Amino acid sequence: MAVKIDKPTCIGCGACVDVCPVQALSMVDDKAVVDEATCIDCGACISACPVSAISE
């Protein structure tokens, strides 16, 4: 299972992309997007998000 991103809350800072150990996150139209096939659900992005836009 992959993390979920609340797009209206995401501010597009890219902090989650920088900390993802498997490069499962990317930025599309200034919002974070998760590649569900790559995500290992480690939670690194959850704690890195300054606006709590990512959840399990």
PDB file of N, CA and C in Angstrom:
ATOM      1  N   MET A   1       0.848  -1.192   0.000  1.00  0.00           N
ATOM      2  CA  MET A   1       0.000   0.000   0.000  1.00  0.00           C
ATOM      3  C   MET A   1       0.888   1.248   0.000  1.00  0.00           C
ATOM      4  N   ALA A   2       0.452   2.254  -0.663  1.00  0.00           N
ATOM      5  CA  ALA A   2       1.232   3.485  -0.785  1.00  0.00           C
ATOM      6  C   ALA A   2       0.637   4.593   0.085  1.00  0.00           C
ATOM      7  N   VAL A   3       1.451   5.601   0.350  1.00  0.00           N
ATOM      8  CA  VAL A   3       0.970   6.761   1.096  1.00  0.00           C
ATOM      9  C   VAL A   3      -0.032   7.529   0.237  1.00  0.00           C
ATOM     10  N   LYS A   4      -0.804   8.377   0.904  1.00  0.00           N
ATOM     11  CA  LYS A   4      -1.798   9.196   0.210  1.00  0.00           C
ATOM     12  C   LYS A   4      -1.403  10.664   0.357  1.00  0.00           C
ATOM     13  N   ILE A   5      -1.594  11.418  -0.700  1.00  0.00           N
ATOM     14  CA  ILE A   5      -1.264  12.841  -0.693  1.00  0.00           C
ATOM     15  C   ILE A   5      -2.543  13.647  -0.857  1.00  0.00           C
ATOM     16  N   ASP A   6      -2.765  14.558   0.085  1.00  0.00           N
ATOM     17  CA  ASP A   6      -3.918  15.459   0.015  1.00  0.00           C
ATOM     18  C   ASP A   6      -3.498  16.650  -0.847  1.00  0.00           C
ATOM     19  N   LYS A   7      -3.867  16.597  -2.117  1.00  0.00           N
ATOM     20  CA  LYS A   7      -3.404  17.613  -3.070  1.00  0.00           C
ATOM     21  C   LYS A   7      -3.782  19.048  -2.694  1.00  0.00           C
ATOM     22  N   PRO A   8      -4.989  19.307  -2.175  1.00  0.00           N
ATOM     23  CA  PRO A   8      -5.296  20.693  -1.797  1.00  0.00           C
ATOM     24  C   PRO A   8      -4.385  21.224  -0.677  1.00  0.00           C
ATOM     25  N   THR A   9      -3.887  20.334   0.173  1.00  0.00           N
ATOM     26  CA  THR A   9      -3.024  20.739   1.274  1.00  0.00           C
ATOM     27  C   THR A   9      -1.567  20.875   0.847  1.00  0.00           C
ATOM     28  N   CYS A  10      -1.153  20.085  -0.143  1.00  0.00           N
ATOM     29  CA  CYS A  10       0.239  20.090  -0.613  1.00  0.00           C
ATOM     30  C   CYS A  10       0.620  21.481  -1.119  1.00  0.00           C
ATOM     31  N   ILE A  11       1.778  21.972  -0.639  1.00  0.00           N
ATOM     32  CA  ILE A  11       2.253  23.294  -1.055  1.00  0.00           C
ATOM     33  C   ILE A  11       3.350  23.204  -2.125  1.00  0.00           C
ATOM     34  N   GLY A  12       3.684  21.990  -2.536  1.00  0.00           N
ATOM     35  CA  GLY A  12       4.656  21.813  -3.608  1.00  0.00           C
ATOM     36  C   GLY A  12       6.088  22.123  -3.242  1.00  0.00           C
ATOM     37  N   CYS A  13       6.444  21.940  -1.998  1.00  0.00           N
ATOM     38  CA  CYS A  13       7.800  22.287  -1.557  1.00  0.00           C
ATOM     39  C   CYS A  13       8.840  21.245  -1.975  1.00  0.00           C
ATOM     40  N   GLY A  14       8.413  20.008  -2.205  1.00  0.00           N
ATOM     41  CA  GLY A  14       9.333  18.961  -2.628  1.00  0.00           C
ATOM     42  C   GLY A  14      10.093  18.275  -1.515  1.00  0.00           C
ATOM     43  N   ALA A  15       9.811  18.601  -0.275  1.00  0.00           N
ATOM     44  CA  ALA A  15      10.527  17.982   0.844  1.00  0.00           C
ATOM     45  C   ALA A  15      10.360  16.467   0.843  1.00  0.00           C
ATOM     46  N   CYS A  16       9.175  16.001   0.506  1.00  0.00           N
ATOM     47  CA  CYS A  16       8.911  14.561   0.484  1.00  0.00           C
ATOM     48  C   CYS A  16       9.718  13.865  -0.607  1.00  0.00           C
ATOM     49  N   VAL A  17       9.848  14.516  -1.747  1.00  0.00           N
ATOM     50  CA  VAL A  17      10.604  13.951  -2.869  1.00  0.00           C
ATOM     51  C   VAL A  17      12.063  13.754  -2.458  1.00  0.00           C
ATOM     52  N   ASP A  18      12.604  14.730  -1.748  1.00  0.00           N
ATOM     53  CA  ASP A  18      14.007  14.693  -1.341  1.00  0.00           C
ATOM     54  C   ASP A  18      14.316  13.574  -0.350  1.00  0.00           C
ATOM     55  N   VAL A  19      13.375  13.198   0.498  1.00  0.00           N
ATOM     56  CA  VAL A  19      13.652  12.195   1.526  1.00  0.00           C
ATOM     57  C   VAL A  19      13.240  10.777   1.149  1.00  0.00           C
ATOM     58  N   CYS A  20      12.528  10.598   0.057  1.00  0.00           N
ATOM     59  CA  CYS A  20      12.060   9.257  -0.314  1.00  0.00           C
ATOM     60  C   CYS A  20      13.242   8.366  -0.705  1.00  0.00           C
ATOM     61  N   PRO A  21      13.444   7.253   0.015  1.00  0.00           N
ATOM     62  CA  PRO A  21      14.599   6.391  -0.266  1.00  0.00           C
ATOM     63  C   PRO A  21      14.473   5.573  -1.551  1.00  0.00           C
ATOM     64  N   VAL A  22      13.262   5.475  -2.099  1.00  0.00           N
ATOM     65  CA  VAL A  22      13.069   4.670  -3.314  1.00  0.00           C
ATOM     66  C   VAL A  22      12.566   5.509  -4.491  1.00  0.00           C
ATOM     67  N   GLN A  23      12.647   6.821  -4.377  1.00  0.00           N
ATOM     68  CA  GLN A  23      12.235   7.752  -5.433  1.00  0.00           C
ATOM     69  C   GLN A  23      10.801   7.477  -5.928  1.00  0.00           C
ATOM     70  N   ALA A  24       9.904   7.226  -4.984  1.00  0.00           N
ATOM     71  CA  ALA A  24       8.506   6.944  -5.323  1.00  0.00           C
ATOM     72  C   ALA A  24       7.678   8.218  -5.458  1.00  0.00           C
ATOM     73  N   LEU A  25       8.251   9.354  -5.100  1.00  0.00           N
ATOM     74  CA  LEU A  25       7.521  10.614  -5.162  1.00  0.00           C
ATOM     75  C   LEU A  25       8.120  11.532  -6.223  1.00  0.00           C
ATOM     76  N   SER A  26       7.247  12.266  -6.867  1.00  0.00           N
ATOM     77  CA  SER A  26       7.690  13.246  -7.852  1.00  0.00           C
ATOM     78  C   SER A  26       6.746  14.441  -7.787  1.00  0.00           C
ATOM     79  N   MET A  27       7.134  15.498  -8.470  1.00  0.00           N
ATOM     80  CA  MET A  27       6.306  16.692  -8.516  1.00  0.00           C
ATOM     81  C   MET A  27       5.651  16.797  -9.887  1.00  0.00           C
ATOM     82  N   VAL A  28       4.334  16.948  -9.909  1.00  0.00           N
ATOM     83  CA  VAL A  28       3.579  17.131 -11.146  1.00  0.00           C
ATOM     84  C   VAL A  28       2.659  18.321 -10.934  1.00  0.00           C
ATOM     85  N   ASP A  29       2.775  19.321 -11.783  1.00  0.00           N
ATOM     86  CA  ASP A  29       1.975  20.547 -11.645  1.00  0.00           C
ATOM     87  C   ASP A  29       2.093  21.141 -10.247  1.00  0.00           C
ATOM     88  N   ASP A  30       3.315  21.154  -9.706  1.00  0.00           N
ATOM     89  CA  ASP A  30       3.615  21.721  -8.377  1.00  0.00           C
ATOM     90  C   ASP A  30       2.901  21.021  -7.234  1.00  0.00           C
ATOM     91  N   LYS A  31       2.587  19.749  -7.390  1.00  0.00           N
ATOM     92  CA  LYS A  31       1.996  18.935  -6.327  1.00  0.00           C
ATOM     93  C   LYS A  31       2.732  17.604  -6.284  1.00  0.00           C
ATOM     94  N   ALA A  32       2.868  17.035  -5.089  1.00  0.00           N
ATOM     95  CA  ALA A  32       3.520  15.738  -4.950  1.00  0.00           C
ATOM     96  C   ALA A  32       2.604  14.633  -5.473  1.00  0.00           C
ATOM     97  N   VAL A  33       3.231  13.668  -6.142  1.00  0.00           N
ATOM     98  CA  VAL A  33       2.516  12.513  -6.672  1.00  0.00           C
ATOM     99  C   VAL A  33       3.300  11.273  -6.271  1.00  0.00           C
ATOM    100  N   VAL A  34       2.584  10.230  -5.834  1.00  0.00           N
ATOM    101  CA  VAL A  34       3.244   8.994  -5.418  1.00  0.00           C
ATOM    102  C   VAL A  34       3.069   7.911  -6.484  1.00  0.00           C
ATOM    103  N   ASP A  35       4.158   7.207  -6.763  1.00  0.00           N
ATOM    104  CA  ASP A  35       4.114   6.040  -7.632  1.00  0.00           C
ATOM    105  C   ASP A  35       3.797   4.853  -6.728  1.00  0.00           C
ATOM    106  N   GLU A  36       2.556   4.405  -6.764  1.00  0.00           N
ATOM    107  CA  GLU A  36       2.098   3.363  -5.845  1.00  0.00           C
ATOM    108  C   GLU A  36       2.846   2.049  -6.015  1.00  0.00           C
ATOM    109  N   ALA A  37       3.340   1.776  -7.200  1.00  0.00           N
ATOM    110  CA  ALA A  37       4.071   0.530  -7.441  1.00  0.00           C
ATOM    111  C   ALA A  37       5.468   0.557  -6.823  1.00  0.00           C
ATOM    112  N   THR A  38       6.011   1.761  -6.618  1.00  0.00           N
ATOM    113  CA  THR A  38       7.364   1.907  -6.086  1.00  0.00           C
ATOM    114  C   THR A  38       7.384   2.162  -4.583  1.00  0.00           C
ATOM    115  N   CYS A  39       6.364   2.819  -4.067  1.00  0.00           N
ATOM    116  CA  CYS A  39       6.305   3.194  -2.643  1.00  0.00           C
ATOM    117  C   CYS A  39       6.402   1.964  -1.740  1.00  0.00           C
ATOM    118  N   ILE A  40       7.291   2.050  -0.736  1.00  0.00           N
ATOM    119  CA  ILE A  40       7.446   0.961   0.231  1.00  0.00           C
ATOM    120  C   ILE A  40       6.785   1.295   1.563  1.00  0.00           C
ATOM    121  N   ASP A  41       6.054   2.403   1.603  1.00  0.00           N
ATOM    122  CA  ASP A  41       5.295   2.794   2.797  1.00  0.00           C
ATOM    123  C   ASP A  41       6.175   2.934   4.042  1.00  0.00           C
ATOM    124  N   CYS A  42       7.357   3.515   3.867  1.00  0.00           N
ATOM    125  CA  CYS A  42       8.286   3.662   4.986  1.00  0.00           C
ATOM    126  C   CYS A  42       7.928   4.826   5.908  1.00  0.00           C
ATOM    127  N   GLY A  43       7.205   5.819   5.376  1.00  0.00           N
ATOM    128  CA  GLY A  43       6.780   6.950   6.191  1.00  0.00           C
ATOM    129  C   GLY A  43       7.746   8.110   6.250  1.00  0.00           C
ATOM    130  N   ALA A  44       8.872   8.032   5.561  1.00  0.00           N
ATOM    131  CA  ALA A  44       9.845   9.130   5.597  1.00  0.00           C
ATOM    132  C   ALA A  44       9.218  10.424   5.094  1.00  0.00           C
ATOM    133  N   CYS A  45       8.394  10.332   4.081  1.00  0.00           N
ATOM    134  CA  CYS A  45       7.767  11.522   3.504  1.00  0.00           C
ATOM    135  C   CYS A  45       6.735  12.137   4.446  1.00  0.00           C
ATOM    136  N   ILE A  46       6.099  11.307   5.234  1.00  0.00           N
ATOM    137  CA  ILE A  46       5.062  11.795   6.160  1.00  0.00           C
ATOM    138  C   ILE A  46       5.676  12.774   7.158  1.00  0.00           C
ATOM    139  N   SER A  47       6.790  12.380   7.741  1.00  0.00           N
ATOM    140  CA  SER A  47       7.423  13.259   8.732  1.00  0.00           C
ATOM    141  C   SER A  47       8.125  14.447   8.080  1.00  0.00           C
ATOM    142  N   ALA A  48       8.474  14.343   6.807  1.00  0.00           N
ATOM    143  CA  ALA A  48       9.163  15.442   6.116  1.00  0.00           C
ATOM    144  C   ALA A  48       8.197  16.533   5.663  1.00  0.00           C
ATOM    145  N   CYS A  49       6.926  16.226   5.516  1.00  0.00           N
ATOM    146  CA  CYS A  49       5.965  17.195   4.993  1.00  0.00           C
ATOM    147  C   CYS A  49       5.652  18.266   6.030  1.00  0.00           C
ATOM    148  N   PRO A  50       5.930  19.534   5.703  1.00  0.00           N
ATOM    149  CA  PRO A  50       5.715  20.610   6.675  1.00  0.00           C
ATOM    150  C   PRO A  50       4.240  20.981   6.885  1.00  0.00           C
ATOM    151  N   VAL A  51       3.358  20.514   6.026  1.00  0.00           N
ATOM    152  CA  VAL A  51       1.938  20.863   6.155  1.00  0.00           C
ATOM    153  C   VAL A  51       1.048  19.635   6.376  1.00  0.00           C
ATOM    154  N   SER A  52       1.648  18.507   6.671  1.00  0.00           N
ATOM    155  CA  SER A  52       0.915  17.254   6.948  1.00  0.00           C
ATOM    156  C   SER A  52      -0.035  16.872   5.819  1.00  0.00           C
ATOM    157  N   ALA A  53       0.438  16.982   4.585  1.00  0.00           N
ATOM    158  CA  ALA A  53      -0.380  16.641   3.430  1.00  0.00           C
ATOM    159  C   ALA A  53      -0.292  15.167   3.049  1.00  0.00           C
ATOM    160  N   ILE A  54       0.565  14.410   3.747  1.00  0.00           N
ATOM    161  CA  ILE A  54       0.770  13.000   3.410  1.00  0.00           C
ATOM    162  C   ILE A  54       0.356  12.125   4.595  1.00  0.00           C
ATOM    163  N   SER A  55      -0.360  11.049   4.279  1.00  0.00           N
ATOM    164  CA  SER A  55      -0.800  10.125   5.314  1.00  0.00           C
ATOM    165  C   SER A  55      -0.683   8.692   4.804  1.00  0.00           C
ATOM    166  N   GLU A  56      -0.799   7.746   5.735  1.00  0.00           N
ATOM    167  CA  GLU A  56      -0.761   6.330   5.352  1.00  0.00           C
ATOM    168  C   GLU A  56      -2.113   5.863   4.915  1.00  0.00           C
TER     169      GLU A  56
END
